[in-house]
Amino acid sequence: MPNLTVRNIPRKEYAALRKDAERSGRSLNSELLAMIHERSETRRRRRAAIRQIDRLREQIARQFPDQPDSVVLIREDRESH
C-alpha cells in the first residue's frame, strides 16, 4: 500500500485534526484516511449527480423540443431589467 508523508502542517490545523481524531476514537493516520475517503466519496457522488442531471436535461429537451433552454430564459430575463 502506498505511503504519504505530510510536512509543514500549521499548528492550528494539526491541533484541530488531533481533536477530531480523539473525538472519533481514531489515530491521526486513521483520521486522515477517513477524511480522504470522505472527500473522494463526496466527489464521486457529485460527479454521479451531475451525470444524472445532464441525462434529465437531455430527456426534458427531447420531450419538450419547443421549450427554450433555461440559459436562454435566464439571459432574456436579466437583459429585460
Protein backbone atom coordinates (compact mmCIF):
# COMPACT_ATOMS: atom_id res chain seq x y z
CA MET A 1 0.00 0.00 0.00
CA PRO A 2 1.37 3.47 -0.84
CA ASN A 3 2.65 5.76 1.88
CA LEU A 4 2.34 9.53 2.14
CA THR A 5 4.33 11.97 4.24
CA VAL A 6 2.69 15.25 5.13
CA ARG A 7 5.04 18.06 6.08
CA ASN A 8 4.69 21.60 7.36
CA ILE A 9 1.21 21.22 8.82
CA PRO A 10 0.28 24.50 10.51
CA ARG A 11 -0.06 24.09 14.29
CA LYS A 12 -3.69 25.22 14.29
CA GLU A 13 -4.72 22.62 11.69
CA TYR A 14 -2.69 19.91 13.40
CA ALA A 15 -4.39 20.62 16.72
CA ALA A 16 -7.82 20.57 15.08
CA LEU A 17 -7.01 17.27 13.33
CA ARG A 18 -5.78 15.75 16.59
CA LYS A 19 -9.02 16.83 18.35
CA ASP A 20 -11.13 15.37 15.54
CA ALA A 21 -9.20 12.11 15.76
CA GLU A 22 -9.66 11.94 19.53
CA ARG A 23 -13.40 12.67 19.27
CA SER A 24 -13.86 9.90 16.72
CA GLY A 25 -11.62 7.46 18.60
CA ARG A 26 -9.10 7.23 15.78
CA SER A 27 -5.39 7.75 15.34
CA LEU A 28 -4.19 10.70 13.29
CA ASN A 29 -3.43 8.34 10.44
CA SER A 30 -6.90 6.79 10.56
CA GLU A 31 -8.50 10.23 10.76
CA LEU A 32 -6.62 11.38 7.67
CA LEU A 33 -7.61 8.20 5.81
CA ALA A 34 -11.25 8.78 6.79
CA MET A 35 -11.03 12.37 5.55
CA ILE A 36 -9.52 11.27 2.24
CA HIS A 37 -12.19 8.60 1.83
CA GLU A 38 -15.00 11.04 2.66
CA ARG A 39 -13.72 13.58 0.16
CA SER A 40 -13.35 11.03 -2.61
CA GLU A 41 -16.88 9.71 -1.91
CA THR A 42 -18.26 13.24 -1.98
CA ARG A 43 -16.56 13.91 -5.32
CA ARG A 44 -17.78 10.59 -6.73
CA ARG A 45 -21.37 11.35 -5.66
CA ARG A 46 -21.15 14.87 -7.05
CA ARG A 47 -19.95 13.57 -10.43
CA ALA A 48 -22.74 10.97 -10.46
CA ALA A 49 -25.32 13.66 -9.63
CA ILE A 50 -24.05 15.88 -12.43
CA ARG A 51 -24.29 12.99 -14.89
CA GLN A 52 -27.86 12.30 -13.72
CA ILE A 53 -28.80 15.98 -14.07
CA ASP A 54 -27.35 16.04 -17.58
CA ARG A 55 -29.36 12.94 -18.52
CA LEU A 56 -32.53 14.50 -17.12
CA ARG A 57 -31.89 17.71 -19.06
CA GLU A 58 -31.48 15.69 -22.25
CA GLN A 59 -34.72 13.79 -21.57
CA ILE A 60 -36.61 17.02 -20.94
CA ALA A 61 -35.16 18.59 -24.08
CA ARG A 62 -36.31 15.56 -26.11
CA GLN A 63 -39.79 15.58 -24.53
CA PHE A 64 -40.27 19.32 -24.94
CA PRO A 65 -38.24 20.31 -28.01
CA ASP A 66 -40.05 23.63 -28.43
CA GLN A 67 -39.07 24.89 -24.97
CA PRO A 68 -36.02 27.18 -24.86
CA ASP A 69 -33.04 26.21 -22.77
CA SER A 70 -33.07 27.70 -19.25
CA VAL A 71 -29.83 29.55 -20.02
CA VAL A 72 -31.66 31.44 -22.76
CA LEU A 73 -34.58 32.22 -20.45
CA ILE A 74 -32.30 33.48 -17.68
CA ARG A 75 -30.32 35.64 -20.10
CA GLU A 76 -33.52 37.14 -21.51
CA ASP A 77 -34.81 37.83 -18.03
CA ARG A 78 -31.58 39.56 -16.98
CA GLU A 79 -31.48 41.65 -20.12
CA SER A 80 -35.08 42.80 -19.66
CA HIS A 81 -34.32 44.54 -16.33
